[in-house]
Each structure stands twice: as C-alpha cells, then as structure tokens.
C-alpha cells in the first residue's frame, strides 16, 4: 500500500516537473544554419494572442549565438506596414559567441497578430543559435505566444 502511494506521488511530481519544463522553454526557439551560406536566413512567425492574461501589446526578442566561430548571429523582428507612431522593425546582434548572454532585447509594439522573425549570421559556415521571445501586455505581463518555423537554411 505504501509503495502504491509513493508511486503516485512520484508520478505527480515528475508530471508537474515536465509541465513546468515545457512552460519555461515554450518561448525559446533553437536553430542552426546548416547550408554554410553566408547569407543564410531562418524565418519564423510568432503569433501574439490573448490567452487570458490580457491583450498583447508587443513582442520582445533576442538571440544568443551558441557556436564559437567568426559568424555573429543577429535577429530582425518585424510586424505591420503602418509605422507612424511605433517602430515596426527592430534589429539586434549577439557580438560574443558561445557565452550565456543574449543580444540586446528588441521590442516591436504592434499589438496582437503575427510577427516575422528573421535570424541571420554574418559569415559562411555553420552556426547554432537560441532565440528568446515573449508576447506581453502593455503592463508587461506574459500573454499567448506561439511560434512556427517557415524557412531553415
């Protein structure tokens, strides 16, 4: 009887740990440039939506270059075509390879909907990266975020 209770507790604890792990990594997108092209671009689309936490106001993102090489990983976030009051595109570069820090954070304030995310590198060769991105409300609260890969080079 005691073994059965212990087994149930382990199942519950490990299940919660798995749920937590998937929640934490839900807003990271790992990728790599495998073609070796200097002009390689990986393209993602992130959709910001109200998941009950509030209406999205902006998407913030940054990239971390995970490969020690001469190429530097960069990110461009874009949404919309009407950019009279807010910037609709922002660019950032991770200038130090293979460390624990990301590039400077970029923020595009274009509300709910689909944002385009382009990840590039500056030289020929293979390169791995990690993109951290979050949709947030005007108050800075995390809200619904989903990511789809559209092109991998």
C-alpha atoms as a PDB file:
ATOM      1  CA  UNK A   1       0.000   0.000   0.000  1.00  0.00           C
ATOM      2  CA  UNK A   2       2.763   2.452   0.902  1.00  0.00           C
ATOM      3  CA  UNK A   3       4.618   1.691  -2.351  1.00  0.00           C
ATOM      4  CA  UNK A   4       1.470   2.482  -4.328  1.00  0.00           C
ATOM      5  CA  UNK A   5       1.128   5.887  -2.637  1.00  0.00           C
ATOM      6  CA  UNK A   6       4.796   6.638  -3.177  1.00  0.00           C
ATOM      7  CA  UNK A   7       4.489   5.686  -6.836  1.00  0.00           C
ATOM      8  CA  UNK A   8       1.505   8.038  -7.228  1.00  0.00           C
ATOM      9  CA  UNK A   9       3.435  10.891  -5.631  1.00  0.00           C
ATOM     10  CA  UNK A  10       6.406  10.322  -7.971  1.00  0.00           C
ATOM     11  CA  UNK A  11       4.119  10.310 -10.994  1.00  0.00           C
ATOM     12  CA  UNK A  12       2.531  13.576  -9.846  1.00  0.00           C
ATOM     13  CA  UNK A  13       5.877  15.273  -9.077  1.00  0.00           C
ATOM     14  CA  UNK A  14       7.522  14.212 -12.340  1.00  0.00           C
ATOM     15  CA  UNK A  15       4.405  15.157 -14.297  1.00  0.00           C
ATOM     16  CA  UNK A  16       4.445  18.644 -12.778  1.00  0.00           C
ATOM     17  CA  UNK A  17       8.176  18.950 -13.492  1.00  0.00           C
ATOM     18  CA  UNK A  18       7.607  18.054 -17.144  1.00  0.00           C
ATOM     19  CA  UNK A  19       4.782  20.588 -17.393  1.00  0.00           C
ATOM     20  CA  UNK A  20       6.987  23.271 -15.822  1.00  0.00           C
ATOM     21  CA  UNK A  21       9.892  22.470 -18.156  1.00  0.00           C
ATOM     22  CA  UNK A  22       7.719  22.772 -21.258  1.00  0.00           C
ATOM     23  CA  UNK A  23       6.269  26.056 -19.975  1.00  0.00           C
ATOM     24  CA  UNK A  24       9.695  27.549 -19.335  1.00  0.00           C
ATOM     25  CA  UNK A  25      11.068  26.635 -22.766  1.00  0.00           C
ATOM     26  CA  UNK A  26       7.891  27.476 -24.664  1.00  0.00           C
ATOM     27  CA  UNK A  27       9.258  30.862 -25.691  1.00  0.00           C
ATOM     28  CA  UNK A  28      12.666  29.760 -26.934  1.00  0.00           C
ATOM     29  CA  UNK A  29      13.397  28.714 -30.480  1.00  0.00           C
ATOM     30  CA  UNK A  30      16.648  26.893 -31.122  1.00  0.00           C
ATOM     31  CA  UNK A  31      18.022  26.679 -34.635  1.00  0.00           C
ATOM     32  CA  UNK A  32      21.116  26.367 -36.755  1.00  0.00           C
ATOM     33  CA  UNK A  33      22.402  27.347 -40.155  1.00  0.00           C
ATOM     34  CA  UNK A  34      23.385  24.114 -41.879  1.00  0.00           C
ATOM     35  CA  UNK A  35      23.796  25.179 -45.518  1.00  0.00           C
ATOM     36  CA  UNK A  36      27.027  27.059 -44.830  1.00  0.00           C
ATOM     37  CA  UNK A  37      25.801  30.081 -46.799  1.00  0.00           C
ATOM     38  CA  UNK A  38      26.970  33.475 -45.540  1.00  0.00           C
ATOM     39  CA  UNK A  39      23.593  34.969 -46.453  1.00  0.00           C
ATOM     40  CA  UNK A  40      21.532  32.242 -44.731  1.00  0.00           C
ATOM     41  CA  UNK A  41      18.299  33.413 -43.097  1.00  0.00           C
ATOM     42  CA  UNK A  42      15.982  31.397 -40.869  1.00  0.00           C
ATOM     43  CA  UNK A  43      12.422  32.698 -40.799  1.00  0.00           C
ATOM     44  CA  UNK A  44       9.854  32.234 -38.041  1.00  0.00           C
ATOM     45  CA  UNK A  45       6.421  33.648 -37.389  1.00  0.00           C
ATOM     46  CA  UNK A  46       5.305  34.342 -33.835  1.00  0.00           C
ATOM     47  CA  UNK A  47       1.641  34.935 -33.097  1.00  0.00           C
ATOM     48  CA  UNK A  48       0.701  37.050 -30.094  1.00  0.00           C
ATOM     49  CA  UNK A  49      -2.780  36.420 -28.693  1.00  0.00           C
ATOM     50  CA  UNK A  50      -4.778  36.885 -25.502  1.00  0.00           C
ATOM     51  CA  UNK A  51      -4.502  33.642 -23.538  1.00  0.00           C
ATOM     52  CA  UNK A  52      -6.483  35.065 -20.630  1.00  0.00           C
ATOM     53  CA  UNK A  53      -3.554  37.130 -19.332  1.00  0.00           C
ATOM     54  CA  UNK A  54      -4.533  40.211 -21.336  1.00  0.00           C
ATOM     55  CA  UNK A  55      -4.386  41.693 -24.814  1.00  0.00           C
ATOM     56  CA  UNK A  56      -0.915  41.625 -26.404  1.00  0.00           C
ATOM     57  CA  UNK A  57       0.815  44.959 -26.822  1.00  0.00           C
ATOM     58  CA  UNK A  58       4.242  43.915 -28.060  1.00  0.00           C
ATOM     59  CA  UNK A  59       6.721  41.153 -28.865  1.00  0.00           C
ATOM     60  CA  UNK A  60      10.187  41.233 -27.370  1.00  0.00           C
ATOM     61  CA  UNK A  61      13.031  39.059 -28.646  1.00  0.00           C
ATOM     62  CA  UNK A  62      16.770  38.479 -28.534  1.00  0.00           C
ATOM     63  CA  UNK A  63      19.229  35.950 -29.950  1.00  0.00           C
ATOM     64  CA  UNK A  64      22.155  34.031 -28.459  1.00  0.00           C
ATOM     65  CA  UNK A  65      24.961  32.798 -30.735  1.00  0.00           C
ATOM     66  CA  UNK A  66      25.841  29.317 -29.497  1.00  0.00           C
ATOM     67  CA  UNK A  67      28.764  28.481 -31.803  1.00  0.00           C
ATOM     68  CA  UNK A  68      32.330  29.696 -31.417  1.00  0.00           C
ATOM     69  CA  UNK A  69      33.076  30.953 -34.937  1.00  0.00           C
ATOM     70  CA  UNK A  70      33.684  34.160 -36.840  1.00  0.00           C
ATOM     71  CA  UNK A  71      29.991  34.466 -37.756  1.00  0.00           C
ATOM     72  CA  UNK A  72      27.758  36.508 -35.464  1.00  0.00           C
ATOM     73  CA  UNK A  73      24.054  35.720 -35.074  1.00  0.00           C
ATOM     74  CA  UNK A  74      21.525  38.531 -35.420  1.00  0.00           C
ATOM     75  CA  UNK A  75      17.764  38.917 -35.253  1.00  0.00           C
ATOM     76  CA  UNK A  76      15.249  41.148 -37.012  1.00  0.00           C
ATOM     77  CA  UNK A  77      11.670  41.374 -35.713  1.00  0.00           C
ATOM     78  CA  UNK A  78       9.007  42.966 -37.938  1.00  0.00           C
ATOM     79  CA  UNK A  79       5.243  43.470 -37.942  1.00  0.00           C
ATOM     80  CA  UNK A  80       2.909  45.679 -39.854  1.00  0.00           C
ATOM     81  CA  UNK A  81       3.230  48.283 -42.554  1.00  0.00           C
ATOM     82  CA  UNK A  82       1.883  51.349 -40.756  1.00  0.00           C
ATOM     83  CA  UNK A  83       4.724  52.586 -38.594  1.00  0.00           C
ATOM     84  CA  UNK A  84       3.891  56.229 -37.991  1.00  0.00           C
ATOM     85  CA  UNK A  85       3.793  56.156 -34.169  1.00  0.00           C
ATOM     86  CA  UNK A  86       5.638  52.928 -33.274  1.00  0.00           C
ATOM     87  CA  UNK A  87       8.626  51.202 -34.766  1.00  0.00           C
ATOM     88  CA  UNK A  88       7.533  48.141 -36.717  1.00  0.00           C
ATOM     89  CA  UNK A  89      11.024  46.602 -37.086  1.00  0.00           C
ATOM     90  CA  UNK A  90      13.950  46.161 -34.700  1.00  0.00           C
ATOM     91  CA  UNK A  91      17.396  44.568 -35.172  1.00  0.00           C
ATOM     92  CA  UNK A  92      19.899  43.119 -32.683  1.00  0.00           C
ATOM     93  CA  UNK A  93      23.265  41.296 -32.880  1.00  0.00           C
ATOM     94  CA  UNK A  94      24.910  38.935 -30.396  1.00  0.00           C
ATOM     95  CA  UNK A  95      28.525  40.125 -30.640  1.00  0.00           C
ATOM     96  CA  UNK A  96      30.032  37.431 -28.390  1.00  0.00           C
ATOM     97  CA  UNK A  97      29.914  33.793 -29.477  1.00  0.00           C
ATOM     98  CA  UNK A  98      29.288  30.793 -27.280  1.00  0.00           C
ATOM     99  CA  UNK A  99      28.562  32.542 -23.973  1.00  0.00           C
ATOM    100  CA  UNK A 100      25.500  32.663 -21.721  1.00  0.00           C
ATOM    101  CA  UNK A 101      24.197  36.106 -22.697  1.00  0.00           C
ATOM    102  CA  UNK A 102      21.792  37.133 -25.427  1.00  0.00           C
ATOM    103  CA  UNK A 103      21.904  40.099 -27.779  1.00  0.00           C
ATOM    104  CA  UNK A 104      20.267  43.337 -26.652  1.00  0.00           C
ATOM    105  CA  UNK A 105      16.498  42.980 -26.295  1.00  0.00           C
ATOM    106  CA  UNK A 106      14.348  44.354 -29.128  1.00  0.00           C
ATOM    107  CA  UNK A 107      10.699  45.319 -28.722  1.00  0.00           C
ATOM    108  CA  UNK A 108       8.155  45.764 -31.503  1.00  0.00           C
ATOM    109  CA  UNK A 109       4.889  47.310 -30.272  1.00  0.00           C
ATOM    110  CA  UNK A 110       2.298  46.304 -32.869  1.00  0.00           C
ATOM    111  CA  UNK A 111      -0.329  44.531 -30.713  1.00  0.00           C
ATOM    112  CA  UNK A 112      -1.884  41.147 -31.367  1.00  0.00           C
ATOM    113  CA  UNK A 113      -1.213  39.170 -34.517  1.00  0.00           C
ATOM    114  CA  UNK A 114       1.657  37.668 -36.486  1.00  0.00           C
ATOM    115  CA  UNK A 115       5.218  38.973 -36.160  1.00  0.00           C
ATOM    116  CA  UNK A 116       8.016  37.972 -38.554  1.00  0.00           C
ATOM    117  CA  UNK A 117      11.328  36.942 -37.003  1.00  0.00           C
ATOM    118  CA  UNK A 118      14.433  36.636 -39.164  1.00  0.00           C
ATOM    119  CA  UNK A 119      17.626  35.103 -37.753  1.00  0.00           C
ATOM    120  CA  UNK A 120      20.813  35.670 -39.758  1.00  0.00           C
ATOM    121  CA  UNK A 121      24.543  35.215 -39.423  1.00  0.00           C
ATOM    122  CA  UNK A 122      27.407  37.284 -40.809  1.00  0.00           C
ATOM    123  CA  UNK A 123      29.795  34.758 -42.369  1.00  0.00           C
ATOM    124  CA  UNK A 124      29.884  31.437 -44.205  1.00  0.00           C
ATOM    125  CA  UNK A 125      29.804  28.260 -42.134  1.00  0.00           C
ATOM    126  CA  UNK A 126      27.506  26.505 -39.727  1.00  0.00           C
ATOM    127  CA  UNK A 127      26.154  28.324 -36.698  1.00  0.00           C
ATOM    128  CA  UNK A 128      23.722  27.471 -33.893  1.00  0.00           C
ATOM    129  CA  UNK A 129      21.535  29.936 -32.017  1.00  0.00           C
ATOM    130  CA  UNK A 130      18.753  30.294 -29.498  1.00  0.00           C
ATOM    131  CA  UNK A 131      16.012  32.920 -29.786  1.00  0.00           C
ATOM    132  CA  UNK A 132      14.158  34.018 -26.647  1.00  0.00           C
ATOM    133  CA  UNK A 133      10.832  35.702 -27.401  1.00  0.00           C
ATOM    134  CA  UNK A 134       7.786  36.753 -25.430  1.00  0.00           C
ATOM    135  CA  UNK A 135       4.488  38.410 -26.230  1.00  0.00           C
ATOM    136  CA  UNK A 136       3.489  40.819 -23.473  1.00  0.00           C
ATOM    137  CA  UNK A 137       0.622  43.068 -22.478  1.00  0.00           C
ATOM    138  CA  UNK A 138       1.038  46.832 -22.052  1.00  0.00           C
ATOM    139  CA  UNK A 139       1.644  46.120 -18.346  1.00  0.00           C
ATOM    140  CA  UNK A 140       4.499  43.698 -19.187  1.00  0.00           C
ATOM    141  CA  UNK A 141       2.575  40.505 -18.368  1.00  0.00           C
ATOM    142  CA  UNK A 142       3.345  37.436 -20.482  1.00  0.00           C
ATOM    143  CA  UNK A 143       0.472  36.536 -22.775  1.00  0.00           C
ATOM    144  CA  UNK A 144      -0.201  33.984 -25.514  1.00  0.00           C
ATOM    145  CA  UNK A 145       2.772  33.229 -27.764  1.00  0.00           C
ATOM    146  CA  UNK A 146       3.099  30.598 -30.474  1.00  0.00           C
ATOM    147  CA  UNK A 147       5.961  30.130 -32.952  1.00  0.00           C
ATOM    148  CA  UNK A 148       6.047  28.456 -36.373  1.00  0.00           C
ATOM    149  CA  UNK A 149       9.182  27.830 -38.455  1.00  0.00           C
ATOM    150  CA  UNK A 150       8.804  28.958 -42.087  1.00  0.00           C
ATOM    151  CA  UNK A 151      12.335  28.640 -43.515  1.00  0.00           C
ATOM    152  CA  UNK A 152      15.529  26.967 -42.326  1.00  0.00           C
ATOM    153  CA  UNK A 153      18.851  27.466 -44.108  1.00  0.00           C
END
